[in-house]
Each structure stands twice: as structure tokens, then as C-alpha cells.
Amino acid sequence: MRYNDRVKIVTTTEDDDWGDTTSATSDWLACRITGLSTQMNMNVFGKYTSNALAVHFKNKVSKVDYVLLDDVKRKPQAVLQARKNTVVIVEAV
């Protein structure tokens, strides 16, 4: 699989003292963006969503709160660990 696409991820951390949250944006990460099959869409969303995308990261990603795809912040619907890679399923706009 070729990882020709690039996305950024956003993670949020909480400060223990005051409960404030800070967000950190990563550098560009190598990934491959593909569409989803009908079966996977029905399992994740409960109904068929034709515009869902799967983002296959080249390595494991520990925490993903948001994915920046085409400068749009998308919340992942599912985060799967496949072999030694992370797959994040987001709904396209």
C-alpha cells in the first residue's frame, strides 16, 4: 500500500490544575485515504453513509481526537488498529 496522502491530527490534553484543555496539531503524517465498503459503513454508522472515508496511517497513532483533512476538522467515528497501523474512519463533508 502506498502512503501518498498527508493529513494532520489534533489531540487535546487537559490541565490537571484548572481543567483547561489545550489542543496540539501534529506535523503532516503519511497516510492513504480510501472509501469504505457498504458493509463497513453499515457496521460503523448504523445506516449506509456513502461519503465515509478511511484514513490508513503508516504507523500506530496513539491518540486521535480530530483529523484535519482538506483544512476541515473531522471527528473520527471509529479508530481501528490493523496490524501495525491505525485506521481512522471519518465522515466526509
N, C-alpha and C. Protein backbone atom coordinates (compact mmCIF):
# COMPACT_ATOMS: atom_id res chain seq x y z
N MET A 1 0.85 -1.17 0.00
CA MET A 1 0.00 0.00 0.00
C MET A 1 0.90 1.23 0.00
N ARG A 2 0.61 2.15 -0.88
CA ARG A 2 1.38 3.40 -0.94
C ARG A 2 0.70 4.47 -0.09
N TYR A 3 1.49 5.13 0.70
CA TYR A 3 1.00 6.18 1.59
C TYR A 3 1.36 7.53 0.98
N ASN A 4 0.62 7.92 -0.06
CA ASN A 4 0.92 9.15 -0.79
C ASN A 4 0.20 10.37 -0.24
N ASP A 5 -0.83 10.18 0.57
CA ASP A 5 -1.60 11.30 1.10
C ASP A 5 -0.99 11.79 2.40
N ARG A 6 -1.35 13.01 2.80
CA ARG A 6 -0.87 13.58 4.05
C ARG A 6 -2.02 14.26 4.77
N VAL A 7 -2.13 14.01 6.07
CA VAL A 7 -3.12 14.67 6.92
C VAL A 7 -2.44 15.06 8.22
N LYS A 8 -3.12 15.92 8.98
CA LYS A 8 -2.67 16.29 10.31
C LYS A 8 -3.71 15.79 11.30
N ILE A 9 -3.27 15.48 12.53
CA ILE A 9 -4.22 15.09 13.57
C ILE A 9 -4.14 16.11 14.70
N VAL A 10 -5.25 16.25 15.41
CA VAL A 10 -5.34 17.17 16.54
C VAL A 10 -5.63 16.34 17.78
N THR A 11 -4.83 16.52 18.81
CA THR A 11 -5.07 15.86 20.09
C THR A 11 -5.28 16.93 21.16
N THR A 12 -6.16 16.64 22.10
CA THR A 12 -6.41 17.57 23.19
C THR A 12 -5.94 16.96 24.49
N THR A 13 -5.36 17.80 25.33
CA THR A 13 -4.90 17.37 26.64
C THR A 13 -5.51 18.28 27.68
N GLU A 14 -5.81 17.73 28.85
CA GLU A 14 -6.39 18.51 29.94
C GLU A 14 -5.32 18.85 30.95
N ASP A 15 -5.43 20.06 31.46
CA ASP A 15 -4.55 20.51 32.53
C ASP A 15 -5.19 20.09 33.85
N ASP A 16 -4.44 19.42 34.70
CA ASP A 16 -5.00 18.89 35.94
C ASP A 16 -5.40 19.98 36.94
N ASP A 17 -4.70 21.10 36.93
CA ASP A 17 -4.96 22.13 37.93
C ASP A 17 -6.30 22.82 37.74
N TRP A 18 -6.58 23.29 36.54
CA TRP A 18 -7.78 24.09 36.31
C TRP A 18 -8.79 23.42 35.40
N GLY A 19 -8.45 22.32 34.80
CA GLY A 19 -9.37 21.64 33.89
C GLY A 19 -9.40 22.26 32.50
N ASP A 20 -8.44 23.11 32.20
CA ASP A 20 -8.36 23.71 30.87
C ASP A 20 -7.86 22.66 29.87
N THR A 21 -8.29 22.80 28.64
CA THR A 21 -7.82 21.89 27.59
C THR A 21 -6.99 22.67 26.59
N THR A 22 -5.95 22.02 26.12
CA THR A 22 -5.12 22.60 25.07
C THR A 22 -5.08 21.60 23.92
N SER A 23 -5.07 22.12 22.72
CA SER A 23 -5.02 21.24 21.56
C SER A 23 -3.67 21.38 20.88
N ALA A 24 -3.17 20.26 20.40
CA ALA A 24 -1.88 20.23 19.71
C ALA A 24 -2.09 19.61 18.34
N THR A 25 -1.57 20.27 17.33
CA THR A 25 -1.67 19.78 15.95
C THR A 25 -0.35 19.15 15.56
N SER A 26 -0.41 17.99 14.97
CA SER A 26 0.80 17.28 14.57
C SER A 26 1.33 17.83 13.25
N ASP A 27 2.50 17.34 12.87
CA ASP A 27 3.03 17.63 11.54
C ASP A 27 2.27 16.77 10.53
N TRP A 28 2.62 16.89 9.28
CA TRP A 28 1.98 16.08 8.25
C TRP A 28 2.35 14.61 8.46
N LEU A 29 1.35 13.75 8.50
CA LEU A 29 1.57 12.32 8.68
C LEU A 29 1.25 11.58 7.38
N ALA A 30 2.07 10.59 7.06
CA ALA A 30 1.85 9.80 5.85
C ALA A 30 0.64 8.89 6.05
N CYS A 31 -0.24 8.87 5.07
CA CYS A 31 -1.45 8.05 5.16
C CYS A 31 -1.96 7.73 3.77
N ARG A 32 -2.97 6.90 3.72
CA ARG A 32 -3.69 6.61 2.48
C ARG A 32 -5.17 6.76 2.78
N ILE A 33 -5.87 7.52 1.94
CA ILE A 33 -7.28 7.79 2.14
C ILE A 33 -8.07 6.98 1.12
N THR A 34 -8.98 6.15 1.63
CA THR A 34 -9.81 5.31 0.77
C THR A 34 -11.27 5.45 1.17
N GLY A 35 -12.14 4.99 0.30
CA GLY A 35 -13.55 4.94 0.63
C GLY A 35 -13.86 3.67 1.40
N LEU A 36 -15.08 3.53 1.87
CA LEU A 36 -15.48 2.37 2.65
C LEU A 36 -16.47 1.52 1.86
N SER A 37 -16.48 0.25 2.16
CA SER A 37 -17.46 -0.64 1.55
C SER A 37 -18.82 -0.45 2.22
N THR A 38 -19.84 -0.96 1.60
CA THR A 38 -21.19 -0.85 2.15
C THR A 38 -21.29 -1.55 3.50
N GLN A 39 -20.68 -2.72 3.63
CA GLN A 39 -20.73 -3.49 4.87
C GLN A 39 -20.07 -2.73 6.02
N MET A 40 -18.90 -2.12 5.77
CA MET A 40 -18.21 -1.37 6.81
C MET A 40 -19.00 -0.13 7.20
N ASN A 41 -19.60 0.54 6.22
CA ASN A 41 -20.42 1.72 6.52
C ASN A 41 -21.58 1.36 7.42
N MET A 42 -22.24 0.24 7.16
CA MET A 42 -23.39 -0.16 7.96
C MET A 42 -22.97 -0.55 9.37
N ASN A 43 -21.78 -1.15 9.52
CA ASN A 43 -21.31 -1.55 10.84
C ASN A 43 -20.91 -0.34 11.68
N VAL A 44 -20.33 0.67 11.08
CA VAL A 44 -19.85 1.82 11.84
C VAL A 44 -20.95 2.83 12.10
N PHE A 45 -21.71 3.18 11.07
CA PHE A 45 -22.68 4.26 11.18
C PHE A 45 -24.08 3.79 11.50
N GLY A 46 -24.38 2.50 11.36
CA GLY A 46 -25.72 2.01 11.63
C GLY A 46 -26.66 2.20 10.45
N LYS A 47 -26.29 3.03 9.54
CA LYS A 47 -27.02 3.21 8.30
C LYS A 47 -25.97 3.44 7.23
N TYR A 48 -26.38 3.33 5.99
CA TYR A 48 -25.41 3.46 4.92
C TYR A 48 -25.04 4.92 4.70
N THR A 49 -23.76 5.21 4.79
CA THR A 49 -23.24 6.54 4.51
C THR A 49 -22.23 6.40 3.39
N SER A 50 -22.55 6.94 2.23
CA SER A 50 -21.71 6.70 1.05
C SER A 50 -20.46 7.56 1.04
N ASN A 51 -20.43 8.63 1.83
CA ASN A 51 -19.29 9.53 1.75
C ASN A 51 -18.29 9.34 2.89
N ALA A 52 -18.30 8.22 3.56
CA ALA A 52 -17.34 7.97 4.64
C ALA A 52 -15.98 7.63 4.05
N LEU A 53 -14.94 8.04 4.76
CA LEU A 53 -13.57 7.80 4.32
C LEU A 53 -12.79 7.07 5.40
N ALA A 54 -11.88 6.24 4.98
CA ALA A 54 -10.96 5.56 5.89
C ALA A 54 -9.57 6.15 5.67
N VAL A 55 -8.95 6.58 6.75
CA VAL A 55 -7.59 7.13 6.70
C VAL A 55 -6.68 6.07 7.30
N HIS A 56 -5.82 5.47 6.47
CA HIS A 56 -4.89 4.43 6.90
C HIS A 56 -3.54 5.10 7.19
N PHE A 57 -3.16 5.18 8.45
CA PHE A 57 -1.87 5.75 8.80
C PHE A 57 -0.78 4.71 8.63
N LYS A 58 0.42 5.16 8.31
CA LYS A 58 1.53 4.25 8.06
C LYS A 58 1.99 3.56 9.33
N ASN A 59 1.89 4.22 10.47
CA ASN A 59 2.32 3.64 11.75
C ASN A 59 1.17 3.74 12.74
N LYS A 60 1.41 3.26 13.96
CA LYS A 60 0.39 3.40 15.00
C LYS A 60 0.33 4.85 15.46
N VAL A 61 -0.89 5.32 15.67
CA VAL A 61 -1.12 6.65 16.20
C VAL A 61 -1.80 6.46 17.54
N SER A 62 -1.22 7.03 18.59
CA SER A 62 -1.70 6.73 19.94
C SER A 62 -3.06 7.34 20.24
N LYS A 63 -3.24 8.62 19.96
CA LYS A 63 -4.49 9.28 20.31
C LYS A 63 -4.90 10.20 19.18
N VAL A 64 -6.14 10.05 18.72
CA VAL A 64 -6.66 10.89 17.64
C VAL A 64 -7.99 11.47 18.11
N ASP A 65 -8.04 12.78 18.29
CA ASP A 65 -9.30 13.44 18.64
C ASP A 65 -9.97 14.00 17.40
N TYR A 66 -9.19 14.57 16.49
CA TYR A 66 -9.71 15.11 15.24
C TYR A 66 -8.70 14.85 14.14
N VAL A 67 -9.19 14.77 12.90
CA VAL A 67 -8.34 14.63 11.72
C VAL A 67 -8.55 15.86 10.87
N LEU A 68 -7.46 16.54 10.49
CA LEU A 68 -7.54 17.69 9.60
C LEU A 68 -7.38 17.19 8.17
N LEU A 69 -8.46 17.18 7.43
CA LEU A 69 -8.47 16.69 6.05
C LEU A 69 -9.01 17.81 5.18
N ASP A 70 -8.20 18.31 4.27
CA ASP A 70 -8.55 19.46 3.42
C ASP A 70 -8.90 20.67 4.27
N ASP A 71 -8.15 20.90 5.32
CA ASP A 71 -8.34 22.03 6.25
C ASP A 71 -9.70 22.03 6.94
N VAL A 72 -10.32 20.88 7.05
CA VAL A 72 -11.59 20.73 7.77
C VAL A 72 -11.35 19.76 8.91
N LYS A 73 -11.74 20.15 10.13
CA LYS A 73 -11.55 19.31 11.30
C LYS A 73 -12.70 18.31 11.37
N ARG A 74 -12.37 17.01 11.32
CA ARG A 74 -13.38 15.95 11.36
C ARG A 74 -13.15 15.06 12.57
N LYS A 75 -14.22 14.75 13.27
CA LYS A 75 -14.15 13.87 14.44
C LYS A 75 -14.25 12.43 13.95
N PRO A 76 -13.34 11.54 14.39
CA PRO A 76 -13.39 10.15 13.93
C PRO A 76 -14.59 9.41 14.51
N GLN A 77 -15.21 8.58 13.69
CA GLN A 77 -16.32 7.75 14.12
C GLN A 77 -15.80 6.45 14.72
N ALA A 78 -14.68 5.96 14.23
CA ALA A 78 -14.08 4.73 14.75
C ALA A 78 -12.57 4.81 14.54
N VAL A 79 -11.83 4.26 15.48
CA VAL A 79 -10.38 4.16 15.38
C VAL A 79 -10.04 2.69 15.55
N LEU A 80 -9.50 2.09 14.50
CA LEU A 80 -9.20 0.66 14.48
C LEU A 80 -7.70 0.45 14.41
N GLN A 81 -7.23 -0.60 15.04
CA GLN A 81 -5.83 -0.99 14.94
C GLN A 81 -5.75 -2.19 13.99
N ALA A 82 -5.12 -2.01 12.85
CA ALA A 82 -4.99 -3.06 11.85
C ALA A 82 -3.51 -3.37 11.66
N ARG A 83 -3.13 -4.56 12.05
CA ARG A 83 -1.72 -4.98 12.02
C ARG A 83 -0.90 -3.99 12.83
N LYS A 84 0.06 -3.32 12.21
CA LYS A 84 0.87 -2.34 12.94
C LYS A 84 0.49 -0.92 12.56
N ASN A 85 -0.70 -0.75 11.98
CA ASN A 85 -1.14 0.55 11.52
C ASN A 85 -2.43 0.96 12.23
N THR A 86 -2.77 2.23 12.13
CA THR A 86 -4.02 2.75 12.68
C THR A 86 -4.92 3.17 11.53
N VAL A 87 -6.19 2.79 11.59
CA VAL A 87 -7.18 3.18 10.59
C VAL A 87 -8.24 4.01 11.30
N VAL A 88 -8.47 5.21 10.79
CA VAL A 88 -9.46 6.13 11.36
C VAL A 88 -10.57 6.32 10.33
N ILE A 89 -11.80 6.15 10.76
CA ILE A 89 -12.96 6.31 9.87
C ILE A 89 -13.62 7.64 10.18
N VAL A 90 -13.71 8.49 9.16
CA VAL A 90 -14.33 9.80 9.31
C VAL A 90 -15.43 9.95 8.25
N GLU A 91 -16.37 10.82 8.54
CA GLU A 91 -17.42 11.11 7.57
C GLU A 91 -17.00 12.32 6.77
N ALA A 92 -17.00 12.20 5.46
CA ALA A 92 -16.60 13.30 4.60
C ALA A 92 -17.67 14.36 4.54
N VAL A 93 -17.26 15.58 4.24
CA VAL A 93 -18.21 16.69 4.13
C VAL A 93 -18.58 16.89 2.69
